[in-house]
Protein backbone atom coordinates (compact mmCIF):
# COMPACT_ATOMS: atom_id res chain seq x y z
CA MET A 1 0.09 -0.19 -0.03
CA SER A 2 1.39 3.33 -0.77
CA VAL A 3 1.34 6.40 1.94
CA ILE A 4 -1.80 7.65 1.11
CA GLU A 5 -3.64 4.41 0.87
CA LYS A 6 -2.35 3.59 4.20
CA ILE A 7 -3.82 6.93 5.69
CA ALA A 8 -7.11 6.53 3.78
CA ALA A 9 -7.44 3.02 5.51
CA GLN A 10 -6.66 4.40 8.95
CA VAL A 11 -9.08 7.08 9.27
CA GLU A 12 -11.99 5.32 11.48
CA ASP A 13 -14.73 7.57 9.91
CA TRP A 14 -13.74 6.35 6.32
CA LYS A 15 -13.91 2.69 7.07
CA GLY A 16 -16.63 0.65 5.33
CA ARG A 17 -17.35 3.74 2.91
CA ASP A 18 -16.72 4.43 -0.70
CA VAL A 19 -13.23 6.00 -0.81
CA SER A 20 -11.48 7.24 -3.94
CA ILE A 21 -7.98 9.13 -4.06
CA GLN A 22 -7.00 11.48 -6.85
CA GLN A 23 -3.57 13.01 -6.62
CA LEU A 24 -3.49 16.96 -7.34
CA SER A 25 -1.00 18.78 -9.09
CA GLY A 26 1.42 21.32 -7.59
CA GLY A 27 3.23 21.34 -4.63
CA LEU A 28 7.03 22.13 -4.24
CA THR A 29 7.54 19.73 -1.17
CA ASN A 30 4.77 17.26 -0.55
CA THR A 31 2.15 15.30 -2.88
CA ASN A 32 -1.32 16.60 -2.75
CA TYR A 33 -4.54 14.19 -2.81
CA LYS A 34 -8.12 14.78 -3.23
CA VAL A 35 -9.72 12.08 -1.29
CA THR A 36 -13.42 11.90 -1.88
CA VAL A 37 -15.64 9.66 0.71
CA ASP A 38 -19.14 8.84 -0.27
CA GLY A 39 -18.94 11.96 -2.27
CA MET A 40 -17.46 14.22 0.30
CA PRO A 41 -14.13 15.62 -0.65
CA TYR A 42 -11.19 16.14 1.81
CA PHE A 43 -7.44 17.31 1.23
CA VAL A 44 -4.58 15.33 2.37
CA ARG A 45 -0.94 16.01 1.87
CA VAL A 46 1.86 13.71 1.95
CA PRO A 47 4.98 15.13 3.10
CA GLY A 48 8.03 14.90 0.76
CA GLU A 49 11.25 12.97 1.17
CA SER A 50 13.67 14.35 3.97
CA THR A 51 11.70 17.30 4.62
CA GLU A 52 13.06 17.56 7.80
CA LEU A 53 16.21 19.14 6.56
CA LEU A 54 14.25 21.75 5.31
CA ALA A 55 13.44 22.77 9.20
CA ILE A 56 9.88 21.68 9.08
CA ASP A 57 8.31 20.85 12.37
CA ARG A 58 5.34 19.01 11.97
CA ASP A 59 4.17 19.41 15.30
CA ASN A 60 4.43 22.77 14.78
CA GLU A 61 2.66 22.93 11.63
CA HIS A 62 -0.59 21.08 13.22
CA HIS A 63 -0.85 23.35 15.85
CA ASN A 64 -0.81 26.66 13.79
CA THR A 65 -3.00 25.03 11.05
CA ARG A 66 -5.59 24.71 13.97
CA ALA A 67 -4.94 28.25 15.07
CA ALA A 68 -5.08 29.58 11.66
CA ALA A 69 -8.43 27.80 11.03
CA SER A 70 -9.90 29.37 14.41
CA ALA A 71 -8.79 32.61 13.07
CA GLY A 72 -11.04 32.04 9.90
CA VAL A 73 -8.50 32.15 7.41
CA ALA A 74 -7.29 28.38 7.20
CA PRO A 75 -9.48 25.02 6.46
CA LYS A 76 -10.29 22.86 9.29
CA VAL A 77 -8.09 20.12 10.80
CA LEU A 78 -10.35 17.18 10.38
CA HIS A 79 -7.92 14.30 11.31
CA HIS A 80 -4.52 14.33 12.58
CA LEU A 81 -2.18 11.28 11.81
CA PRO A 82 1.28 11.92 13.05
CA GLU A 83 2.79 8.76 12.31
CA HIS A 84 2.67 9.83 8.50
CA SER A 85 3.04 13.39 9.61
CA ALA A 86 -0.41 14.18 7.88
CA MET A 87 -3.42 15.72 8.14
CA VAL A 88 -6.87 15.71 6.62
CA LEU A 89 -8.44 19.03 5.98
CA GLU A 90 -11.50 20.51 4.95
CA PHE A 91 -11.47 20.70 1.18
CA LEU A 92 -11.78 24.54 0.04
CA ASP A 93 -13.96 25.05 -2.70
CA GLY A 94 -12.38 27.95 -4.59
CA LYS A 95 -9.77 28.85 -7.02
CA THR A 96 -6.18 28.03 -6.41
CA MET A 97 -4.86 31.61 -7.28
CA SER A 98 -1.57 32.45 -9.26
CA LYS A 99 0.69 35.15 -9.79
CA ASP A 100 -1.45 36.45 -12.73
CA SER A 101 -4.85 36.50 -10.98
CA LEU A 102 -3.10 38.10 -7.65
CA ASN A 103 -1.75 40.70 -9.66
CA GLN A 104 -5.11 41.91 -10.89
CA PRO A 105 -6.61 45.41 -9.49
CA GLY A 106 -7.95 45.32 -6.03
CA GLN A 107 -6.00 41.70 -5.26
CA PRO A 108 -2.98 43.44 -3.24
CA SER A 109 -5.67 44.87 -1.00
CA ARG A 110 -7.63 41.67 -0.50
CA MET A 111 -4.42 39.85 0.36
CA ALA A 112 -3.01 42.13 3.24
CA GLN A 113 -6.88 41.97 4.31
CA ALA A 114 -6.57 38.22 4.52
CA ILE A 115 -3.19 38.19 6.21
CA LYS A 116 -4.22 40.98 8.75
CA LYS A 117 -6.96 38.56 10.12
CA LEU A 118 -4.32 35.66 10.55
CA HIS A 119 -1.86 38.00 12.20
CA ALA A 120 -4.82 39.34 14.57
CA GLY A 121 -5.44 35.19 15.24
CA PRO A 122 -4.13 32.87 17.95
CA ARG A 123 -0.52 33.13 18.91
CA PHE A 124 1.48 30.40 17.00
CA TYR A 125 3.41 27.30 18.65
CA SER A 126 6.85 28.67 17.86
CA ASP A 127 8.88 31.68 16.28
CA PHE A 128 10.32 31.98 12.50
CA ASN A 129 13.20 34.40 11.79
CA MET A 130 14.40 34.30 8.27
CA PHE A 131 17.89 35.41 9.85
CA ARG A 132 18.27 32.25 11.65
CA LEU A 133 16.78 29.96 9.00
CA THR A 134 19.29 31.10 6.40
CA GLU A 135 22.12 30.40 8.83
CA TYR A 136 20.88 27.08 9.48
CA TYR A 137 20.44 26.48 5.72
CA LEU A 138 24.08 27.63 4.81
CA ASN A 139 25.56 25.52 7.61
CA LEU A 140 23.69 22.45 6.23
CA CYS A 141 24.94 23.13 2.79
CA ARG A 142 28.42 23.28 3.88
CA GLU A 143 27.96 20.11 5.87
CA ARG A 144 26.45 18.06 3.01
CA SER A 145 28.52 19.72 0.38
CA ILE A 146 25.45 21.27 -1.12
CA ASP A 147 26.05 23.55 -3.97
CA ILE A 148 24.93 27.35 -3.61
CA PRO A 149 24.73 30.36 -5.91
CA LYS A 150 28.22 32.09 -6.57
CA GLY A 151 28.53 34.74 -4.01
CA TYR A 152 26.25 33.63 -1.20
CA PRO A 153 29.00 33.71 1.58
CA GLU A 154 30.49 37.28 0.33
CA ARG A 155 27.13 38.74 0.82
CA ILE A 156 26.49 37.60 4.51
CA PRO A 157 27.75 40.87 5.93
CA VAL A 158 25.35 42.78 3.87
CA VAL A 159 22.58 40.24 5.43
CA ASN A 160 23.86 41.09 9.14
CA GLU A 161 23.74 44.77 8.40
CA ILE A 162 19.77 44.21 7.38
CA GLU A 163 19.12 42.29 10.42
CA LYS A 164 21.00 44.89 12.46
CA ALA A 165 18.98 48.14 10.95
CA MET A 166 15.42 46.32 11.34
CA ALA A 167 16.14 45.41 15.03
CA VAL A 168 16.56 49.47 15.88
CA LYS A 169 12.95 49.60 16.00
CA PRO A 170 11.48 46.06 15.81
CA LEU A 171 7.88 45.39 15.12
CA ALA A 172 5.89 42.91 17.79
CA PRO A 173 5.65 39.40 16.36
CA VAL A 174 2.62 38.00 15.10
CA PRO A 175 1.28 34.73 13.81
CA CYS A 176 2.74 34.15 10.16
CA ASN A 177 2.38 31.74 7.29
CA ASN A 178 6.05 33.06 6.12
CA ASP A 179 5.23 31.24 2.75
CA LEU A 180 2.46 32.44 0.63
CA LEU A 181 3.37 31.78 -2.67
CA ALA A 182 0.26 32.46 -5.13
CA GLU A 183 -0.80 28.90 -4.82
CA ASN A 184 -1.33 29.25 -1.05
CA TYR A 185 -4.21 31.70 -1.68
CA ILE A 186 -7.27 29.95 -2.51
CA ASP A 187 -10.37 32.56 -3.66
CA ASP A 188 -13.85 31.27 -2.72
CA GLY A 189 -15.48 34.14 -4.34
CA GLU A 190 -15.87 35.70 -0.92
CA GLN A 191 -12.50 35.73 0.85
CA LEU A 192 -8.69 34.39 0.36
CA TRP A 193 -7.98 31.45 2.38
CA LEU A 194 -4.42 31.16 3.27
CA ILE A 195 -3.11 27.68 3.34
CA ASP A 196 0.15 25.69 4.14
CA TYR A 197 1.30 26.31 7.37
CA GLU A 198 4.85 24.18 7.20
CA TYR A 199 7.08 27.43 7.84
CA SER A 200 4.55 29.16 9.87
CA GLY A 201 5.68 30.95 13.21
CA ASN A 202 5.39 34.11 15.11
CA ASN A 203 7.09 36.86 13.18
CA ASP A 204 7.80 40.39 11.87
CA PRO A 205 4.50 41.14 10.10
CA THR A 206 6.64 42.87 7.61
CA PHE A 207 8.31 39.79 6.30
CA GLU A 208 4.84 38.44 5.77
CA LEU A 209 4.09 41.29 3.66
CA GLY A 210 7.27 41.34 1.96
CA ASN A 211 7.68 37.86 1.11
CA THR A 212 4.38 37.64 -0.46
CA CYS A 213 4.99 40.98 -2.61
CA GLN A 214 8.20 39.15 -3.72
CA GLU A 215 6.37 36.22 -4.64
CA MET A 216 4.08 37.94 -6.86
CA GLN A 217 6.60 40.28 -8.18
CA PHE A 218 4.82 43.59 -7.04
CA ASN A 219 5.85 46.64 -8.70
CA ASP A 220 6.10 49.83 -6.25
CA ASP A 221 2.82 50.89 -6.60
CA GLN A 222 1.25 47.38 -5.42
CA ILE A 223 3.78 47.18 -2.56
CA GLU A 224 2.43 50.45 -1.25
CA GLU A 225 -1.25 49.27 -1.61
CA VAL A 226 -0.36 46.03 0.62
CA CYS A 227 1.29 48.31 2.92
CA ALA A 228 -1.47 50.80 3.20
CA ALA A 229 -4.27 47.98 3.40
CA TYR A 230 -2.43 46.41 6.27
CA PHE A 231 -1.16 49.44 8.24
CA GLY A 232 -3.58 52.24 7.41
CA ASP A 233 -0.88 54.21 5.28
CA ALA A 234 2.21 53.43 3.07
CA SER A 235 4.94 55.10 5.50
CA PRO A 236 8.51 54.98 4.35
CA GLN A 237 9.67 53.11 7.24
CA MET A 238 7.09 50.31 6.65
CA VAL A 239 7.52 49.93 3.11
CA ALA A 240 11.51 50.13 4.00
CA ARG A 241 10.64 46.70 6.01
CA MET A 242 9.00 45.17 3.48
CA LYS A 243 11.64 45.87 0.74
CA LEU A 244 14.44 44.62 2.97
CA ASN A 245 12.29 41.44 3.76
CA MET A 246 11.67 41.18 0.26
CA ILE A 247 15.33 40.81 -0.21
CA MET A 248 15.47 38.17 2.95
CA SER A 249 12.82 36.31 1.22
CA ASP A 250 14.99 35.46 -1.58
CA VAL A 251 18.16 35.20 0.34
CA GLY A 252 16.63 32.29 2.37
CA TRP A 253 14.14 30.54 0.22
CA GLY A 254 17.08 30.62 -2.59
CA LEU A 255 19.13 28.54 -0.26
CA TRP A 256 15.99 26.52 0.26
CA ALA A 257 15.70 25.73 -3.48
CA ALA A 258 19.50 24.91 -3.46
CA ILE A 259 18.81 22.14 -0.85
CA GLN A 260 15.67 20.79 -2.52
CA ALA A 261 17.79 20.37 -5.62
CA ARG A 262 19.77 18.04 -3.91
CA ILE A 263 17.10 16.15 -1.94
CA SER A 264 13.74 16.55 -3.69
CA THR A 265 12.22 14.01 -6.13
CA ILE A 266 9.61 16.14 -7.44
CA ASP A 267 10.11 17.43 -11.01
CA PHE A 268 10.77 20.91 -10.96
CA ASP A 269 14.01 23.17 -11.71
CA PHE A 270 14.96 23.82 -8.06
CA TRP A 271 18.43 24.96 -8.89
CA GLY A 272 17.26 27.25 -11.80
CA TRP A 273 14.77 28.58 -8.92
CA ALA A 274 17.89 29.36 -6.56
CA LEU A 275 19.88 31.01 -9.27
CA GLU A 276 16.68 33.30 -9.91
CA ARG A 277 16.28 34.20 -6.53
CA TRP A 278 19.78 34.90 -5.43
CA GLY A 279 19.78 37.19 -8.88
CA ARG A 280 17.26 39.28 -7.36
CA ALA A 281 18.21 39.57 -3.89
CA GLU A 282 21.88 40.74 -5.63
CA ASP A 283 20.28 43.26 -7.93
CA LYS A 284 18.28 44.69 -4.95
CA MET A 285 21.21 44.77 -2.52
CA ASP A 286 23.20 46.50 -5.48
CA SER A 287 20.21 48.93 -6.08
CA ALA A 288 20.47 52.69 -5.65
CA GLU A 289 17.58 52.54 -3.37
CA PHE A 290 18.82 49.99 -0.98
CA PRO A 291 20.76 52.70 1.15
CA MET A 292 17.48 54.78 1.37
CA TRP A 293 15.70 51.65 2.84
CA MET A 294 18.65 50.93 5.31
CA LYS A 295 17.99 54.59 6.37
CA ASP A 296 14.16 54.58 6.35
CA VAL A 297 13.68 51.70 8.42
CA VAL A 298 15.43 52.92 11.38
CA GLN A 299 13.70 56.53 11.08
């Protein structure tokens, strides 16, 4: 039996009922399934190979998914199977979003509103810090001789300066998803749902905002729209925090992609993605605007 078949067989409520399993497309870390039981759909995700190396804590994910569901922005956890690091979630009847769909007028504000709802919810199990995660990923790459894009170590002093600048006027941490790719938004026609809490944790809200703006490749107007919808206005300080966190998004997740290029069995060009993300981070660090962001963030 496959892992998903074992999971389906272990759910007590499904025994003796008509169960069908359909693998879903997408997913950069895991394999996703739609399991239909007597006509009722459910969502199940099976973790990928060696995902513990990516610093994923499944207890943290389970706790935080339940917390996000109670905040009204994530699907409910219906069954938890810790022996398989799996959860059965309610199946959201909606459209999986894309970069193109989230770049449409009005969507940046809708994203900010959904994020703000999550951030106002119950505190998460543990904390998340992209600076510490970057250190962990770099050490892992050194220990396992995993290739990383050229120039990473030489830029660490700049990363350290970014951290120091943002620590001058820190923001209180809030429960964050921390990995809001376009595909982690589901639109049911009324609201945007936020899914996938593998990397979730209490964090600076401007990392969440900057990270998702970077994933959408938003322009300056869209970034300011997100900032204003979340904070009430697009102040230079908050925009600067978001811009610097956009850099950190690519710095950290670029290393994640390099590790995935070594360990993942999913058919995806992770190395190409690592190079793309690192190239964006370098371009921003070398930009004429970078010193201005570093100044604005401490004002």
